[in-house]
Amino acid sequence: MPYGTAKQRSTIAKKARAGKDLGKKGKGFGPMADAVAKSYMKKGMSKARATAIGKATAAKSMWKELTGKKKKGK
């Protein structure tokens, strides 16, 4: 089930497109971002680049949760 009403989802989408803050990060954001960053650093990527990718991956996951999008087949 999608997050909130159509108006709330529209508001979230407008904030995201404008690059504004969508609210607090969930409690799983940090550990998820760290885990992704560690996996990229093991492959030889710099810490700064791996951290940026980790945060982007965690944000993408949060966005999917907010909009109610799920992986196909689940």
Protein backbone atom coordinates (compact mmCIF):
# COMPACT_ATOMS: atom_id res chain seq x y z
CA MET A 1 0.00 0.00 0.00
CA PRO A 2 1.44 3.38 -0.94
CA TYR A 3 2.45 5.85 1.72
CA GLY A 4 -0.26 8.37 2.57
CA THR A 5 -2.82 9.94 0.30
CA ALA A 6 -2.28 11.03 -3.28
CA LYS A 7 -1.79 14.62 -2.08
CA GLN A 8 0.88 13.54 0.46
CA ARG A 9 2.72 11.50 -2.18
CA SER A 10 2.57 14.48 -4.56
CA THR A 11 4.05 16.73 -1.86
CA ILE A 12 6.89 14.27 -1.24
CA ALA A 13 7.62 14.05 -4.97
CA LYS A 14 7.69 17.84 -5.34
CA LYS A 15 10.13 18.18 -2.41
CA ALA A 16 12.36 15.46 -3.85
CA ARG A 17 12.47 17.08 -7.29
CA ALA A 18 13.34 20.42 -5.68
CA GLY A 19 16.15 18.77 -3.70
CA LYS A 20 14.59 19.63 -0.33
CA ASP A 21 14.77 17.59 2.84
CA LEU A 22 12.13 14.85 3.00
CA GLY A 23 12.31 14.48 6.77
CA LYS A 24 14.27 12.42 9.26
CA LYS A 25 16.26 9.43 8.12
CA GLY A 26 14.99 6.11 9.39
CA LYS A 27 16.91 4.19 12.04
CA GLY A 28 18.14 1.74 9.39
CA PHE A 29 19.60 4.43 7.12
CA GLY A 30 23.06 4.62 8.73
CA PRO A 31 23.72 0.87 8.98
CA MET A 32 22.51 0.32 5.42
CA ALA A 33 24.70 3.12 4.06
CA ASP A 34 27.70 1.79 6.03
CA ALA A 35 27.21 -1.76 4.75
CA VAL A 36 27.07 -0.61 1.13
CA ALA A 37 30.11 1.63 1.62
CA LYS A 38 32.11 -1.25 3.15
CA SER A 39 31.33 -3.52 0.21
CA TYR A 40 32.53 -0.88 -2.26
CA MET A 41 35.69 -0.15 -0.23
CA LYS A 42 36.55 -3.87 -0.30
CA LYS A 43 36.54 -3.59 -4.09
CA GLY A 44 39.17 -0.85 -3.88
CA MET A 45 37.03 2.28 -4.12
CA SER A 46 37.98 5.38 -2.12
CA LYS A 47 36.20 5.93 1.21
CA ALA A 48 34.61 9.23 0.12
CA ARG A 49 33.20 7.77 -3.10
CA ALA A 50 31.99 4.59 -1.37
CA THR A 51 30.27 6.62 1.37
CA ALA A 52 28.48 8.74 -1.23
CA ILE A 53 27.27 5.63 -3.04
CA GLY A 54 26.18 4.09 0.28
CA LYS A 55 24.11 7.14 1.19
CA ALA A 56 22.56 7.25 -2.28
CA THR A 57 21.62 3.58 -2.09
CA ALA A 58 20.04 4.01 1.36
CA ALA A 59 18.13 7.08 0.14
CA LYS A 60 16.85 5.15 -2.87
CA SER A 61 15.61 2.42 -0.54
CA MET A 62 13.87 5.01 1.67
CA TRP A 63 12.25 6.60 -1.39
CA LYS A 64 10.88 3.24 -2.52
CA GLU A 65 9.46 2.71 0.97
CA LEU A 66 7.80 6.15 1.01
CA THR A 67 6.24 5.80 -2.43
CA GLY A 68 5.12 2.22 -1.92
CA LYS A 69 7.09 0.84 -4.86
CA LYS A 70 8.14 -2.76 -4.42
CA LYS A 71 10.32 -5.12 -6.38
CA LYS A 72 8.57 -7.16 -9.03
CA GLY A 73 7.63 -10.64 -7.93
CA LYS A 74 7.26 -9.79 -4.25
